[in-house]
Amino acid sequence: MSLTAGSRPDGTRPAAAVEEPAAALAPKAVPGKRVAGKVPWRIRLRRDRALILMTLPAIGLLLLFNYVPLLGNVVAFQDYDPYASSNGITAIFHSPWVGIEQFSRMLDDPDFWTAVKNTIVLFLLQLVLFFPIPIALALLINSVIRPRVRAVAQAIMYLPHFFSWVLVVTVFQQIFGGAGIIAQTMEQHGWGGFDLMTNASLFKFLVTAQSVWKDAGWGIIVFLAALAAVPTDLYEAAAMDGAGRWRRTWHVTLPALRPVIALLLVLRVGDALSVGFEQFLLQRDAVGRGASEVLDTYVWNVGIQFGDFSYAAAVGLIKGVIGICLVLGANKFAHLLGEQGVYRK
């Protein structure tokens, strides 16, 4: 009978030769020592100091223009009077506190609820009509084989994004206004009375069309980048299995775009209460405040025009809190669907 090294004649091994568990053989972390796979933060800081220095200006601007102004939300709990002191900042310390009086007033204001209703309706309409269009345009451009044709199509679609809202509204006025091209053509054929720019009932569709024309082309950039990362082997394997163009789009392209769609949808839902300001402000006189008043224009109206800074700050504060809740809720829903969303679990 052959014996293995370190074994006894009866086949058993000495206690000293018994193999220890793998966990016991693993290196133990010693205080002050570097553990394999983990880089101390001092080393990471020294290694990435160039990148950190490059981001400092952006962080400074973010703090200065996005976070420092948040301290001004304290006036939402005051009866703020900018003339209570020599300047507006020190006037905060001299204005009386009123608690939640501004928020109670907000709940009893019918104009506020009109702005909320218009904002929600416009958000849902833009989510249904505007959000899928960049995806469709990205799929359309990605299917173009000739690079020159693709580049020209992208440039044409990107161009309106760089137009100001004044120019966009002017273009639509020249086409759909009472003296526009369509109205003049209809008058030449004996029809009249066409003026889409002053139709309050169709205003929500008008501003959605303006947003699509201006920003849909710019929105396809992210989707084109995601499509460029899809391996061509997947399309070739699907084609060999007999999948046509539509089945390849459904089973290969859309699953590849799903993480990007989930991320942008979470961000869009978080921005639900910010459907626009300048676009509505330019057209409010044509259709009236009842159709064009949204939360952004409402805050500007009561805060800047009427000087009611505390009430405007209360409305803006509620708008921001609801936006944060929407982002967290949409991100949690994305996690339930198996997507990362804005941040991981």
Foldseek 3Di string as FASTA:
>chain_A
DDADPQADPVGHHDPVPDDDDPVVVDDDDDPPDDDPPDDDVVVVCVVCVVVVVVCVVVVVVCCVPPPVCVVVLVLLQFQQDQPQDPGNVVSSVVTGGRGNPLVVVLVVDVLNVLQAVLLLVLLVVLVVPQLCLLVVVLVVLVPDDDPVVSVVVLCQQQVLQPDDLVVLVVVCCQDQAQPHDVQVVQVVVPDHDTGPLQDLVCVSVVVSVSCNSRPSSVVNPVLNVLQVPFDVVLVVVCVVVPDDPVRCCVPGSVVSCVQVSLQVVLVSQLCSQPPDDPNLVVRCVRHHCSRRRHLNNVLCCCCVVVVSPNSSSNSVVVSNVVSVVSSVVSCVVCVVVVHQHPHHD
